[in-house]
Amino acid sequence: MPQNNTSPTSEEMEKKLKDKLSGLALEKEEVLIEKAKKKPKKAKKTKASLSELAGVGEKTLSNLKEAGVNSLESLINLGVEGLTQIKGIKDKKAEKLISEAKRLKQLFNKGEG
């Protein structure tokens, strides 16, 4: 059988290359989709919690919640006078808690924008 010595035209080579690249792109896309499906999604945190405040241990957290303080906003709104009415919180600690709550709130607000 005689061999065909004609080389493919540049158009044929270009089409072959495009087909091969398209196939590779589709394979890569499929692999990325599979990886995305397997990867657990982390919930984006939108608010800081009282437990993240420096100086808040389990007892203080429990006392705050018992007094109805469930958020940074409610802690800030109580002010020093309101916080000192809660068991185990004196003036100095109240000031630190409010300062830290404001700092955390500001950090989370920056992260949203």
Protein backbone atom coordinates (compact mmCIF):
# COMPACT_ATOMS: atom_id res chain seq x y z
CA MET A 1 0.00 0.00 0.00
CA PRO A 2 1.52 3.34 -0.97
CA GLN A 3 2.09 5.91 1.75
CA ASN A 4 0.43 9.29 1.52
CA ASN A 5 3.20 11.87 1.84
CA THR A 6 0.91 14.87 1.87
CA SER A 7 1.19 16.92 5.05
CA PRO A 8 -1.92 18.26 6.75
CA THR A 9 -2.77 21.83 5.84
CA SER A 10 -2.40 24.58 8.40
CA GLU A 11 -6.20 24.79 8.63
CA GLU A 12 -6.43 21.09 9.42
CA MET A 13 -3.67 21.37 12.02
CA GLU A 14 -5.37 24.41 13.56
CA LYS A 15 -8.72 22.59 13.75
CA LYS A 16 -7.07 19.55 15.34
CA LEU A 17 -5.32 21.74 17.90
CA LYS A 18 -8.51 23.65 18.73
CA ASP A 19 -10.41 20.37 19.19
CA LYS A 20 -7.72 19.03 21.49
CA LEU A 21 -7.59 22.26 23.54
CA SER A 22 -11.38 22.33 23.83
CA GLY A 23 -11.34 18.79 25.11
CA LEU A 24 -8.65 19.61 27.66
CA ALA A 25 -10.53 22.70 28.82
CA LEU A 26 -13.71 20.67 29.32
CA GLU A 27 -11.82 18.00 31.26
CA LYS A 28 -10.22 20.65 33.48
CA GLU A 29 -13.60 22.28 34.08
CA GLU A 30 -15.12 18.93 35.04
CA VAL A 31 -12.27 18.26 37.48
CA LEU A 32 -12.73 21.70 39.07
CA ILE A 33 -16.48 21.14 39.42
CA GLU A 34 -15.89 17.79 41.13
CA LYS A 35 -13.36 19.34 43.52
CA ALA A 36 -15.80 22.13 44.35
CA LYS A 37 -18.52 19.59 45.11
CA LYS A 38 -16.26 17.67 47.47
CA LYS A 39 -14.92 20.74 49.29
CA PRO A 40 -16.95 21.58 52.39
CA LYS A 41 -18.25 25.11 52.38
CA LYS A 42 -17.45 27.27 55.35
CA ALA A 43 -20.15 29.57 56.57
CA LYS A 44 -19.07 33.16 56.37
CA LYS A 45 -19.12 34.71 59.78
CA THR A 46 -20.98 37.99 59.84
CA LYS A 47 -20.93 38.91 63.53
CA ALA A 48 -18.53 38.64 66.41
CA SER A 49 -19.87 36.97 69.52
CA LEU A 50 -19.47 37.80 73.18
CA SER A 51 -17.23 34.76 73.65
CA GLU A 52 -14.63 36.39 71.38
CA LEU A 53 -14.19 39.33 73.72
CA ALA A 54 -10.86 39.47 75.52
CA GLY A 55 -11.42 39.01 79.23
CA VAL A 56 -14.64 37.07 78.89
CA GLY A 57 -14.40 33.63 80.41
CA GLU A 58 -17.16 31.11 80.94
CA LYS A 59 -18.37 32.71 84.19
CA THR A 60 -18.54 36.23 82.78
CA LEU A 61 -20.21 34.97 79.62
CA SER A 62 -22.77 33.08 81.67
CA ASN A 63 -23.43 36.14 83.86
CA LEU A 64 -23.82 38.38 80.79
CA LYS A 65 -26.28 36.00 79.13
CA GLU A 66 -28.19 35.57 82.38
CA ALA A 67 -28.58 39.37 82.46
CA GLY A 68 -29.92 39.36 78.89
CA VAL A 69 -26.72 40.53 77.20
CA ASN A 70 -26.53 38.39 74.06
CA SER A 71 -24.66 40.56 71.57
CA LEU A 72 -21.90 43.13 71.30
CA GLU A 73 -24.52 45.77 70.63
CA SER A 74 -26.44 45.00 73.80
CA LEU A 75 -23.20 45.04 75.82
CA ILE A 76 -22.19 48.42 74.37
CA ASN A 77 -25.68 49.85 74.90
CA LEU A 78 -25.71 48.87 78.58
CA GLY A 79 -22.74 51.09 79.26
CA VAL A 80 -20.51 50.96 82.32
CA GLU A 81 -23.37 51.60 84.77
CA GLY A 82 -25.48 48.78 83.37
CA LEU A 83 -22.61 46.31 83.16
CA THR A 84 -21.52 46.93 86.74
CA GLN A 85 -24.94 45.73 87.84
CA ILE A 86 -23.99 42.28 86.56
CA LYS A 87 -22.33 39.91 89.00
CA GLY A 88 -18.52 39.90 88.75
CA ILE A 89 -18.18 43.05 86.64
CA LYS A 90 -16.58 46.14 88.16
CA ASP A 91 -16.00 49.55 86.55
CA LYS A 92 -12.59 48.74 85.07
CA LYS A 93 -13.76 45.44 83.57
CA ALA A 94 -16.91 47.08 82.21
CA GLU A 95 -14.80 49.74 80.46
CA LYS A 96 -12.51 47.08 78.95
CA LEU A 97 -15.45 44.99 77.77
CA ILE A 98 -17.12 47.96 76.09
CA SER A 99 -13.85 49.03 74.45
CA GLU A 100 -13.19 45.50 73.19
CA ALA A 101 -16.79 45.10 71.96
CA LYS A 102 -16.51 48.34 69.97
CA ARG A 103 -13.18 47.19 68.50
CA LEU A 104 -14.59 43.80 67.45
CA LYS A 105 -17.71 45.37 66.02
CA GLN A 106 -15.60 47.76 63.97
CA LEU A 107 -13.41 44.91 62.69
CA PHE A 108 -16.44 42.94 61.52
CA ASN A 109 -18.00 46.01 59.92
CA LYS A 110 -14.79 46.58 57.91
CA GLY A 111 -14.88 42.96 56.76
CA GLU A 112 -18.39 43.34 55.32
CA GLY A 113 -17.59 46.28 53.06
